[in-house]
Amino acid sequence: MAKLIQICASQNDLFALDGDGVVYQYNFKTSRWTRLDHAGDGAETGSTPPGSDRRAAKERRSRP
């Protein structure tokens, strides 16, 4: 696993992003990081980049 560059936590989950753009989820039962695969999510090369929905939501919230 590469060095984690960003961590996101919610009430019940912990996610991390490494320098290669790979997303991991922390498994509290095993105390290990698990790589999340995107197989079957319909993503294709050239599709909307990860996080773009998050950026759009942030932009909507920041509008007056």
Protein backbone atom coordinates (compact mmCIF):
# COMPACT_ATOMS: atom_id res chain seq x y z
CA MET A 1 0.00 0.00 0.00
CA ALA A 2 1.30 3.43 -0.91
CA LYS A 3 1.48 6.37 1.48
CA LEU A 4 -2.00 7.68 2.31
CA ILE A 5 -2.44 11.31 1.34
CA GLN A 6 -6.02 11.95 2.44
CA ILE A 7 -8.30 10.43 5.05
CA CYS A 8 -12.05 10.86 5.32
CA ALA A 9 -13.99 9.78 8.40
CA SER A 10 -17.67 9.50 9.13
CA GLN A 11 -19.43 8.25 12.21
CA ASN A 12 -18.99 4.58 11.23
CA ASP A 13 -16.44 4.50 8.40
CA LEU A 14 -12.88 5.49 7.64
CA PHE A 15 -11.61 5.89 4.07
CA ALA A 16 -8.21 6.87 2.69
CA LEU A 17 -6.75 7.86 -0.65
CA ASP A 18 -3.18 7.06 -1.68
CA GLY A 19 -0.93 8.93 -4.08
CA ASP A 20 -1.97 6.67 -6.96
CA GLY A 21 -5.66 7.50 -6.51
CA VAL A 22 -6.54 4.15 -4.94
CA VAL A 23 -9.22 4.25 -2.24
CA TYR A 24 -9.05 2.12 0.91
CA GLN A 25 -11.57 1.43 3.67
CA TYR A 26 -10.46 0.64 7.21
CA ASN A 27 -11.85 -2.57 8.68
CA PHE A 28 -12.14 -2.06 12.43
CA LYS A 29 -12.70 -5.79 13.09
CA THR A 30 -9.39 -6.82 11.52
CA SER A 31 -7.51 -3.53 12.09
CA ARG A 32 -6.49 -3.47 8.42
CA TRP A 33 -6.99 -1.29 5.36
CA THR A 34 -8.93 -2.92 2.50
CA ARG A 35 -8.54 -1.71 -1.06
CA LEU A 36 -11.88 -0.79 -2.62
CA ASP A 37 -12.34 -2.08 -6.15
CA HIS A 38 -14.48 -0.20 -8.63
CA ALA A 39 -15.45 -3.27 -10.65
CA GLY A 40 -19.02 -3.18 -11.83
CA ASP A 41 -19.68 0.45 -10.94
CA GLY A 42 -19.97 1.46 -14.59
CA ALA A 43 -16.91 3.68 -14.51
CA GLU A 44 -15.06 3.97 -17.79
CA THR A 45 -11.88 5.67 -18.87
CA GLY A 46 -12.68 9.31 -19.47
CA SER A 47 -15.76 9.25 -17.26
CA THR A 48 -16.41 11.74 -14.47
CA PRO A 49 -13.38 11.84 -12.18
CA PRO A 50 -13.71 10.62 -8.60
CA GLY A 51 -14.75 13.37 -6.23
CA SER A 52 -16.37 15.54 -8.88
CA ASP A 53 -19.79 15.00 -7.29
CA ARG A 54 -18.30 16.08 -3.97
CA ARG A 55 -16.81 19.21 -5.55
CA ALA A 56 -20.13 20.06 -7.20
CA ALA A 57 -21.96 19.65 -3.89
CA LYS A 58 -19.42 21.89 -2.15
CA GLU A 59 -19.87 24.54 -4.85
CA ARG A 60 -23.65 24.40 -4.46
CA ARG A 61 -23.35 24.84 -0.68
CA SER A 62 -21.03 27.82 -1.05
CA ARG A 63 -23.43 29.75 -3.28
CA PRO A 64 -25.50 32.48 -1.57
